[in-house]
Amino acid sequence: MTAIILLNWNGCDDTLACLKSLSAVKGKDFYVVVADNGSTDDSIGRLLDWGSKHTKRMLIIRLFLMFISKIRLLLPKI
């Protein structure tokens, strides 16, 4: 399985556009890791909302001062 890693920092619109594009990929075995680098806008909420409605292959990791402060897993157990 392949992991696609997206970086986000207060850029939810761009990250969502990328996720929408990736959701159109068919026949590939991959999951997406979104690493949020301490966004201060509503990025995390919007990403979680989109992920819960459109994919089961996404992991969101929220980074804060180089520490993982919050992990939200939307992947099925493998």
Protein backbone atom coordinates (compact mmCIF):
# COMPACT_ATOMS: atom_id res chain seq x y z
CA MET A 1 0.00 0.00 0.00
CA THR A 2 1.22 3.50 -0.86
CA ALA A 3 0.99 6.54 1.40
CA ILE A 4 0.47 9.98 -0.10
CA ILE A 5 1.50 12.71 2.33
CA LEU A 6 -0.01 16.19 2.07
CA LEU A 7 1.20 19.12 4.14
CA ASN A 8 -1.28 21.74 5.31
CA TRP A 9 -0.88 25.06 7.10
CA ASN A 10 -3.88 27.38 6.92
CA GLY A 11 -4.42 26.22 3.33
CA CYS A 12 -7.48 24.05 3.54
CA ASP A 13 -8.87 25.06 0.14
CA ASP A 14 -5.73 23.82 -1.63
CA THR A 15 -5.59 20.65 0.47
CA LEU A 16 -9.27 19.90 -0.21
CA ALA A 17 -8.72 20.43 -3.94
CA CYS A 18 -5.89 17.89 -3.83
CA LEU A 19 -7.99 15.42 -1.82
CA LYS A 20 -10.87 15.76 -4.29
CA SER A 21 -8.49 15.06 -7.15
CA LEU A 22 -7.06 12.02 -5.36
CA SER A 23 -10.55 10.70 -4.63
CA ALA A 24 -11.07 10.31 -8.37
CA VAL A 25 -8.15 7.85 -8.64
CA LYS A 26 -9.51 4.37 -9.19
CA GLY A 27 -7.82 1.01 -8.86
CA LYS A 28 -4.83 2.15 -6.81
CA ASP A 29 -4.19 0.88 -3.29
CA PHE A 30 -3.23 4.00 -1.33
CA TYR A 31 -4.15 6.13 1.65
CA VAL A 32 -3.60 9.81 2.37
CA VAL A 33 -1.83 11.29 5.38
CA VAL A 34 -2.57 14.98 5.93
CA ALA A 35 0.06 16.54 8.19
CA ASP A 36 -1.28 19.82 9.54
CA ASN A 37 1.47 22.09 10.77
CA GLY A 38 -0.46 23.92 13.49
CA SER A 39 -3.11 25.68 11.40
CA THR A 40 -4.88 28.47 13.23
CA ASP A 41 -7.85 28.61 10.86
CA ASP A 42 -10.66 26.08 10.51
CA SER A 43 -8.58 23.65 8.42
CA ILE A 44 -8.78 20.67 10.79
CA GLY A 45 -12.54 20.84 11.16
CA ARG A 46 -13.08 21.19 7.43
CA LEU A 47 -10.68 18.33 6.63
CA LEU A 48 -12.30 16.05 9.19
CA ASP A 49 -15.74 16.90 7.84
CA TRP A 50 -14.71 16.21 4.25
CA GLY A 51 -12.89 13.01 5.18
CA SER A 52 -15.83 11.60 7.14
CA LYS A 53 -18.10 12.08 4.13
CA HIS A 54 -15.83 11.14 1.24
CA THR A 55 -13.13 8.67 2.22
CA LYS A 56 -12.10 5.97 4.63
CA ARG A 57 -8.46 6.18 3.53
CA MET A 58 -7.24 9.32 5.28
CA LEU A 59 -5.15 9.94 8.38
CA ILE A 60 -4.87 13.48 9.78
CA ILE A 61 -1.93 14.30 12.00
CA ARG A 62 -1.89 17.69 13.67
CA LEU A 63 1.60 18.95 14.48
CA PHE A 64 2.23 21.66 17.03
CA LEU A 65 5.73 22.86 17.82
CA MET A 66 7.15 19.68 16.30
CA PHE A 67 5.06 17.40 18.52
CA ILE A 68 2.05 15.40 17.46
CA SER A 69 -0.77 16.92 19.46
CA LYS A 70 -3.78 15.30 17.87
CA ILE A 71 -4.28 12.29 15.64
CA ARG A 72 -7.57 11.54 13.96
CA LEU A 73 -7.69 8.23 12.16
CA LEU A 74 -10.21 7.65 9.42
CA LEU A 75 -8.67 4.43 8.13
CA PRO A 76 -10.21 1.02 8.49
CA LYS A 77 -8.14 -1.38 10.55
CA ILE A 78 -5.84 -3.27 8.24
